[in-house]
């Protein structure tokens, strides 16, 4: 495992980061899959950021770290906070957030750094961050009071500002709209509250983002697409892996059952092993066949979304079936291109099988 991580990581870049941190006395905090600078930094004499002060940065090279990114985005104005999303291998996940003291500085960052060339083949996408600060909590008991819920939430998570309850026709039980002090506080709450309510109160709640207004699009930006010349077609692995041999992804025949089923992908926030409703036809497609379908999937990178997910289109041709299965899946960024392709194939296979299980039985289709 250690050898694999060393092969994925660009050790020279890691050493450059460490040297920069010592030279500049910059402090980073690792928490919840991200590395954070500031919030605010130790020396800050600017205003406290309000709405529209944060930008979302994507298309970051995997071995580009804070020693390159913080000086670049600080050239526009002082950074109140910078958050780089990280994965288990020590690589970044290709996207980050930079927060300034004013919305004008954030606008300048978008204008000056969108399309900035980090290295050959990598041009940054810089857009206004959608800072949602409201969550909708559903399936609360009918006897829930606003004051009690506010006290409970402030014990379980940070940044809760106010709560409003809603009930009535079409609403099952009681729902609550919870306002937080920041998008980050709301994001952290969204991750922990379901489990916290289940553990402390044996109560299963639902939770989702609540947005009363649509995000504005006041900064029209050129699309980062291959045709625009602002984005390369393929996703590239780190620079030190570019010359490494890559396995073929041509679909093999569906003939051999693997000796042990491999683990399934960690795609799109779902469980590692897909849990589908019981179906009388599911026995015709055991787990090993799902793995074979994933290997028979033609997969092509489509684009990176503003939410940080990578989108892939797929086409699956099954022998004996005239109709090809086509669609699109999204996955989280991974440590290298081979892993991305494998996870996209497995996500596509899950989608194909899930669609099949929901359709009426037809002898001529999967």
Protein backbone atom coordinates (compact mmCIF):
# COMPACT_ATOMS: atom_id res chain seq x y z
CA UNK A 1 0.00 0.00 0.00
CA UNK A 2 2.80 2.42 0.89
CA UNK A 3 4.50 1.67 -2.43
CA UNK A 4 1.28 2.48 -4.31
CA UNK A 5 0.94 5.80 -2.49
CA UNK A 6 4.54 6.72 -3.26
CA UNK A 7 3.94 5.94 -6.93
CA UNK A 8 0.84 8.16 -6.98
CA UNK A 9 2.35 11.07 -5.04
CA UNK A 10 4.84 13.40 -6.64
CA UNK A 11 7.36 13.40 -3.79
CA UNK A 12 9.29 16.36 -5.18
CA UNK A 13 6.15 18.51 -5.10
CA UNK A 14 5.39 17.41 -1.54
CA UNK A 15 8.88 18.46 -0.44
CA UNK A 16 8.45 21.82 -2.18
CA UNK A 17 5.22 22.33 -0.24
CA UNK A 18 6.89 21.46 3.07
CA UNK A 19 9.76 23.87 2.34
CA UNK A 20 7.31 26.66 1.49
CA UNK A 21 5.33 26.08 4.69
CA UNK A 22 8.48 26.37 6.81
CA UNK A 23 9.86 29.37 4.92
CA UNK A 24 6.61 31.36 5.07
CA UNK A 25 5.49 30.04 8.48
CA UNK A 26 2.13 29.17 6.92
CA UNK A 27 -0.15 26.92 8.97
CA UNK A 28 -2.56 24.43 7.37
CA UNK A 29 -5.25 22.42 9.15
CA UNK A 30 -6.42 19.03 7.84
CA UNK A 31 -10.09 18.34 8.57
CA UNK A 32 -12.89 16.36 6.90
CA UNK A 33 -11.10 15.63 3.62
CA UNK A 34 -9.79 19.14 3.12
CA UNK A 35 -6.74 21.20 4.02
CA UNK A 36 -7.58 24.67 5.30
CA UNK A 37 -5.59 27.89 5.51
CA UNK A 38 -6.93 30.81 7.52
CA UNK A 39 -10.56 31.31 8.37
CA UNK A 40 -9.20 33.89 9.24
CA UNK A 41 -5.37 33.77 9.11
CA UNK A 42 -3.40 34.77 12.21
CA UNK A 43 -2.87 38.28 10.89
CA UNK A 44 -6.09 39.72 9.46
CA UNK A 45 -7.12 43.36 9.53
CA UNK A 46 -9.71 43.23 6.77
CA UNK A 47 -13.50 42.89 6.98
CA UNK A 48 -15.29 39.67 7.87
CA UNK A 49 -16.45 38.10 4.59
CA UNK A 50 -20.14 38.29 3.76
CA UNK A 51 -22.13 36.74 0.92
CA UNK A 52 -20.52 36.30 -2.53
CA UNK A 53 -16.95 36.54 -1.19
CA UNK A 54 -15.95 32.96 -2.05
CA UNK A 55 -14.90 31.45 -5.39
CA UNK A 56 -14.90 27.82 -6.49
CA UNK A 57 -11.73 26.66 -8.28
CA UNK A 58 -11.61 23.48 -10.38
CA UNK A 59 -9.32 21.81 -12.96
CA UNK A 60 -6.39 22.00 -10.53
CA UNK A 61 -3.48 19.65 -11.34
CA UNK A 62 -3.38 16.82 -8.81
CA UNK A 63 0.14 17.65 -7.62
CA UNK A 64 -0.45 21.41 -7.27
CA UNK A 65 -0.58 22.39 -3.62
CA UNK A 66 -0.95 25.48 -1.45
CA UNK A 67 2.60 26.66 -2.20
CA UNK A 68 1.41 27.41 -5.75
CA UNK A 69 -2.27 28.16 -5.18
CA UNK A 70 -2.24 30.48 -2.17
CA UNK A 71 0.30 32.94 -3.66
CA UNK A 72 -1.61 32.89 -6.96
CA UNK A 73 -4.99 33.71 -5.42
CA UNK A 74 -3.43 36.11 -2.90
CA UNK A 75 -2.16 38.16 -5.85
CA UNK A 76 -5.75 39.35 -6.34
CA UNK A 77 -6.29 40.32 -2.70
CA UNK A 78 -5.73 39.05 0.86
CA UNK A 79 -7.22 35.61 1.45
CA UNK A 80 -9.47 35.19 4.45
CA UNK A 81 -9.55 31.42 3.87
CA UNK A 82 -8.35 28.84 1.35
CA UNK A 83 -9.58 25.23 1.35
CA UNK A 84 -8.01 22.54 -0.85
CA UNK A 85 -9.95 19.27 -1.13
CA UNK A 86 -7.72 16.23 -0.50
CA UNK A 87 -7.99 12.46 -0.93
CA UNK A 88 -6.48 9.64 1.11
CA UNK A 89 -3.34 9.42 -1.05
CA UNK A 90 -2.21 12.96 -0.26
CA UNK A 91 -3.13 14.31 -3.70
CA UNK A 92 -5.62 17.12 -4.08
CA UNK A 93 -9.00 16.21 -5.57
CA UNK A 94 -8.81 18.84 -8.31
CA UNK A 95 -10.85 21.61 -6.68
CA UNK A 96 -10.64 24.21 -3.93
CA UNK A 97 -12.37 27.25 -2.43
CA UNK A 98 -10.86 30.72 -1.89
CA UNK A 99 -12.61 33.31 0.28
CA UNK A 100 -11.82 37.02 0.23
CA UNK A 101 -12.78 39.92 2.47
CA UNK A 102 -15.11 41.44 -0.11
CA UNK A 103 -17.24 40.37 -3.05
CA UNK A 104 -15.31 42.81 -5.27
CA UNK A 105 -12.08 40.88 -4.67
CA UNK A 106 -13.87 37.61 -5.45
CA UNK A 107 -15.12 39.15 -8.69
CA UNK A 108 -11.55 40.19 -9.55
CA UNK A 109 -10.33 36.64 -8.92
CA UNK A 110 -12.91 35.32 -11.38
CA UNK A 111 -12.03 37.94 -13.99
CA UNK A 112 -8.24 37.58 -13.68
CA UNK A 113 -7.71 33.88 -12.91
CA UNK A 114 -10.44 32.01 -14.81
CA UNK A 115 -8.55 30.19 -17.58
CA UNK A 116 -5.17 30.70 -15.85
CA UNK A 117 -2.60 28.19 -17.15
CA UNK A 118 -1.23 26.25 -14.17
CA UNK A 119 0.80 23.92 -16.39
CA UNK A 120 0.43 22.54 -19.94
CA UNK A 121 -3.04 21.05 -20.25
CA UNK A 122 -4.42 22.53 -17.02
CA UNK A 123 -6.35 25.80 -17.14
CA UNK A 124 -8.15 26.80 -13.96
CA UNK A 125 -11.90 27.27 -13.82
CA UNK A 126 -12.78 30.01 -11.31
CA UNK A 127 -16.43 30.74 -10.58
CA UNK A 128 -18.56 32.28 -7.86
CA UNK A 129 -19.11 29.74 -5.10
CA UNK A 130 -22.73 28.87 -4.38
CA UNK A 131 -22.70 29.42 -0.64
CA UNK A 132 -25.88 27.72 0.51
CA UNK A 133 -26.47 28.33 4.20
CA UNK A 134 -29.87 26.71 4.75
CA UNK A 135 -30.75 23.06 5.36
CA UNK A 136 -34.19 21.46 5.33
CA UNK A 137 -34.59 18.79 8.02
CA UNK A 138 -37.59 16.51 7.54
CA UNK A 139 -39.38 13.65 9.32
CA UNK A 140 -39.25 15.36 12.70
CA UNK A 141 -41.80 14.35 15.38
CA UNK A 142 -45.10 16.22 15.29
CA UNK A 143 -44.50 17.51 18.84
CA UNK A 144 -41.21 19.24 17.88
CA UNK A 145 -40.97 22.80 19.15
CA UNK A 146 -38.83 25.48 17.54
CA UNK A 147 -37.00 26.36 20.76
CA UNK A 148 -36.18 22.76 21.67
CA UNK A 149 -34.92 21.96 18.18
CA UNK A 150 -32.71 25.07 18.15
CA UNK A 151 -31.11 24.02 21.45
CA UNK A 152 -30.56 20.45 20.25
CA UNK A 153 -28.98 21.54 16.97
CA UNK A 154 -26.60 23.93 18.74
CA UNK A 155 -25.39 21.03 20.87
CA UNK A 156 -24.92 18.68 17.91
CA UNK A 157 -23.26 21.04 15.44
CA UNK A 158 -21.75 24.51 15.08
CA UNK A 159 -22.90 27.66 13.33
CA UNK A 160 -26.68 27.30 13.84
CA UNK A 161 -28.27 30.77 13.71
CA UNK A 162 -32.03 30.21 13.61
CA UNK A 163 -34.72 27.60 13.00
CA UNK A 164 -38.19 27.86 11.50
CA UNK A 165 -40.70 25.01 11.49
CA UNK A 166 -43.19 24.19 8.78
CA UNK A 167 -46.08 21.74 8.73
CA UNK A 168 -49.27 21.32 6.77
CA UNK A 169 -50.83 19.53 3.80
CA UNK A 170 -48.29 17.58 1.77
CA UNK A 171 -45.69 17.69 4.55
CA UNK A 172 -45.21 14.44 6.44
CA UNK A 173 -44.54 15.13 10.11
CA UNK A 174 -42.69 18.37 10.82
CA UNK A 175 -39.93 19.93 8.74
CA UNK A 176 -37.50 22.64 9.75
CA UNK A 177 -35.49 25.21 7.80
CA UNK A 178 -32.19 25.77 9.59
CA UNK A 179 -30.02 28.81 8.85
CA UNK A 180 -26.25 28.59 9.45
CA UNK A 181 -23.55 31.21 9.81
CA UNK A 182 -21.65 29.92 6.74
CA UNK A 183 -21.79 27.43 3.91
CA UNK A 184 -18.99 25.46 5.56
CA UNK A 185 -20.95 25.16 8.83
CA UNK A 186 -24.03 24.00 6.90
CA UNK A 187 -21.96 21.44 4.96
CA UNK A 188 -20.48 19.98 8.14
CA UNK A 189 -23.94 19.80 9.73
CA UNK A 190 -25.33 18.02 6.68
CA UNK A 191 -22.67 15.35 7.10
CA UNK A 192 -23.21 14.63 10.80
CA UNK A 193 -26.82 15.36 11.77
CA UNK A 194 -28.51 12.24 10.37
CA UNK A 195 -26.19 9.94 12.30
CA UNK A 196 -26.30 12.18 15.39
CA UNK A 197 -30.11 12.10 15.56
CA UNK A 198 -30.12 8.35 15.04
CA UNK A 199 -27.51 7.78 17.75
CA UNK A 200 -28.89 10.16 20.40
CA UNK A 201 -32.65 9.95 19.79
CA UNK A 202 -33.15 6.76 17.73
CA UNK A 203 -34.77 9.08 15.19
CA UNK A 204 -34.28 8.84 11.42
CA UNK A 205 -34.46 12.28 9.86
CA UNK A 206 -34.03 13.44 6.28
CA UNK A 207 -31.81 16.37 5.40
CA UNK A 208 -31.21 18.30 2.19
CA UNK A 209 -30.14 21.70 0.96
CA UNK A 210 -32.78 24.43 1.01
CA UNK A 211 -32.51 27.33 -1.40
CA UNK A 212 -35.17 30.03 -1.60
CA UNK A 213 -33.44 31.81 -4.48
CA UNK A 214 -31.60 30.65 -7.55
CA UNK A 215 -27.88 31.42 -7.69
CA UNK A 216 -27.11 34.42 -9.88
CA UNK A 217 -25.00 34.12 -12.99
CA UNK A 218 -23.66 37.66 -13.18
CA UNK A 219 -20.22 36.58 -14.35
CA UNK A 220 -20.65 35.03 -17.82
CA UNK A 221 -17.55 32.94 -18.43
CA UNK A 222 -16.20 31.09 -21.46
CA UNK A 223 -16.85 27.38 -21.18
CA UNK A 224 -13.78 25.28 -20.47
CA UNK A 225 -14.27 22.76 -23.26
CA UNK A 226 -11.92 21.14 -25.76
CA UNK A 227 -13.50 23.14 -28.59
CA UNK A 228 -12.91 26.44 -26.78
CA UNK A 229 -9.22 25.65 -26.38
CA UNK A 230 -9.51 26.20 -22.62
CA UNK A 231 -9.60 22.58 -21.51
CA UNK A 232 -7.89 19.42 -22.75
CA UNK A 233 -10.09 16.47 -23.65
CA UNK A 234 -8.64 13.81 -21.35
CA UNK A 235 -8.21 13.88 -17.58
CA UNK A 236 -4.47 13.75 -17.00
CA UNK A 237 -2.74 11.92 -14.14
CA UNK A 238 0.08 13.64 -12.21
CA UNK A 239 3.05 14.70 -14.30
CA UNK A 240 5.37 11.98 -12.99
CA UNK A 241 2.85 9.30 -14.11
CA UNK A 242 2.30 10.56 -17.66
CA UNK A 243 4.77 8.10 -19.17
CA UNK A 244 3.65 5.11 -17.09
CA UNK A 245 2.04 2.25 -19.06
CA UNK A 246 -1.76 2.30 -18.82
CA UNK A 247 -3.89 -0.84 -19.15
CA UNK A 248 -6.27 -1.15 -22.09
CA UNK A 249 -9.94 -0.39 -21.42
CA UNK A 250 -11.27 -2.27 -24.45
CA UNK A 251 -14.25 -4.43 -23.39
CA UNK A 252 -13.35 -8.14 -22.96
CA UNK A 253 -15.92 -10.87 -23.66
CA UNK A 254 -18.46 -11.78 -20.97
CA UNK A 255 -17.24 -15.32 -20.53
CA UNK A 256 -15.29 -15.84 -17.32
CA UNK A 257 -16.51 -15.46 -13.77
CA UNK A 258 -13.86 -13.86 -11.54
CA UNK A 259 -12.66 -15.94 -8.60
CA UNK A 260 -13.45 -13.17 -6.08
CA UNK A 261 -15.75 -10.21 -6.69
CA UNK A 262 -13.79 -6.92 -6.51
CA UNK A 263 -15.03 -4.06 -4.36
CA UNK A 264 -17.43 -1.74 -6.00
CA UNK A 265 -16.88 1.92 -6.68
CA UNK A 266 -17.25 4.78 -4.24
CA UNK A 267 -19.22 6.69 -6.87
CA UNK A 268 -21.58 9.56 -6.22
CA UNK A 269 -21.80 9.35 -2.44
CA UNK A 270 -23.50 5.95 -2.38
CA UNK A 271 -22.60 2.80 -0.43
CA UNK A 272 -19.65 0.75 -1.62
CA UNK A 273 -21.94 -2.24 -2.28
CA UNK A 274 -25.13 -1.19 -4.11
CA UNK A 275 -28.33 -1.94 -2.23
CA UNK A 276 -31.23 -2.34 -4.64
CA UNK A 277 -34.81 -3.40 -3.84
CA UNK A 278 -35.36 -7.18 -3.95
CA UNK A 279 -36.43 -8.34 -7.39
CA UNK A 280 -37.44 -11.77 -8.65
CA UNK A 281 -35.10 -11.20 -11.60
CA UNK A 282 -32.07 -10.15 -9.54
CA UNK A 283 -30.89 -13.76 -9.18
CA UNK A 284 -30.23 -13.78 -12.94
CA UNK A 285 -27.54 -11.14 -12.41
CA UNK A 286 -25.18 -12.11 -9.59
CA UNK A 287 -22.45 -9.80 -8.39
CA UNK A 288 -19.79 -11.37 -10.55
CA UNK A 289 -21.85 -10.57 -13.66
CA UNK A 290 -22.07 -6.95 -12.60
CA UNK A 291 -18.28 -6.90 -12.51
CA UNK A 292 -18.12 -8.43 -15.98
CA UNK A 293 -20.55 -5.81 -17.29
CA UNK A 294 -18.34 -3.06 -15.90
CA UNK A 295 -15.37 -4.50 -17.79
CA UNK A 296 -17.43 -4.52 -21.00
CA UNK A 297 -18.29 -0.83 -20.66
CA UNK A 298 -16.92 1.73 -23.11
CA UNK A 299 -16.28 4.83 -21.03
CA UNK A 300 -15.38 8.37 -22.12
CA UNK A 301 -14.60 11.43 -20.02
CA UNK A 302 -17.18 14.19 -20.55
CA UNK A 303 -16.52 17.13 -18.23
CA UNK A 304 -15.89 18.30 -14.66
CA UNK A 305 -18.92 19.80 -12.96
CA UNK A 306 -18.89 22.91 -10.76
CA UNK A 307 -19.60 20.63 -7.78
CA UNK A 308 -16.23 18.90 -8.21
CA UNK A 309 -17.59 15.64 -9.65
CA UNK A 310 -16.21 14.19 -12.87
CA UNK A 311 -18.77 13.18 -15.51
CA UNK A 312 -18.33 10.19 -17.86
CA UNK A 313 -20.53 8.99 -20.71
CA UNK A 314 -20.82 5.24 -21.26
CA UNK A 315 -22.02 2.67 -23.77
CA UNK A 316 -22.53 -1.01 -22.92
CA UNK A 317 -23.08 -3.65 -25.61
CA UNK A 318 -24.16 -7.05 -24.26
CA UNK A 319 -23.92 -10.10 -26.58
CA UNK A 320 -27.38 -11.31 -27.60
CA UNK A 321 -29.06 -7.95 -26.91
CA UNK A 322 -29.71 -5.67 -29.86
CA UNK A 323 -30.04 -2.44 -27.90
CA UNK A 324 -26.95 -0.79 -26.42
CA UNK A 325 -27.20 0.80 -23.00
CA UNK A 326 -26.05 4.42 -22.90
CA UNK A 327 -25.97 7.09 -20.22
CA UNK A 328 -23.82 9.25 -17.97
CA UNK A 329 -22.36 8.77 -14.49
CA UNK A 330 -20.51 11.07 -12.13
CA UNK A 331 -17.76 10.09 -9.70
CA UNK A 332 -15.46 11.75 -7.22
CA UNK A 333 -11.91 12.48 -8.37
CA UNK A 334 -9.48 9.64 -7.59
CA UNK A 335 -5.74 9.12 -7.26
CA UNK A 336 -4.99 8.32 -10.91
CA UNK A 337 -6.51 7.91 -14.37
CA UNK A 338 -6.70 4.11 -14.19
CA UNK A 339 -8.70 4.27 -10.96
CA UNK A 340 -11.02 6.90 -12.43
CA UNK A 341 -11.75 4.74 -15.48
CA UNK A 342 -12.38 1.65 -13.35
CA UNK A 343 -14.72 3.46 -10.99
CA UNK A 344 -16.61 5.07 -13.88
CA UNK A 345 -17.04 1.64 -15.50
CA UNK A 346 -18.34 0.14 -12.26
CA UNK A 347 -20.72 3.06 -11.70
CA UNK A 348 -22.06 2.63 -15.24
CA UNK A 349 -22.58 -1.10 -14.70
CA UNK A 350 -24.51 -0.40 -11.50
CA UNK A 351 -26.67 2.13 -13.34
CA UNK A 352 -27.41 -0.30 -16.19
CA UNK A 353 -28.40 -3.07 -13.79
CA UNK A 354 -30.43 -0.74 -11.59
CA UNK A 355 -32.40 0.53 -14.62
CA UNK A 356 -33.02 -3.04 -15.71
CA UNK A 357 -34.35 -4.06 -12.31
CA UNK A 358 -36.88 -1.20 -12.42
CA UNK A 359 -38.21 -2.13 -15.91
CA UNK A 360 -40.96 -4.63 -16.72
CA UNK A 361 -39.54 -8.02 -17.70
CA UNK A 362 -38.91 -8.41 -21.43
CA UNK A 363 -37.28 -11.51 -22.87
CA UNK A 364 -35.29 -9.55 -25.43
CA UNK A 365 -33.68 -7.01 -23.06
CA UNK A 366 -31.37 -7.10 -20.06
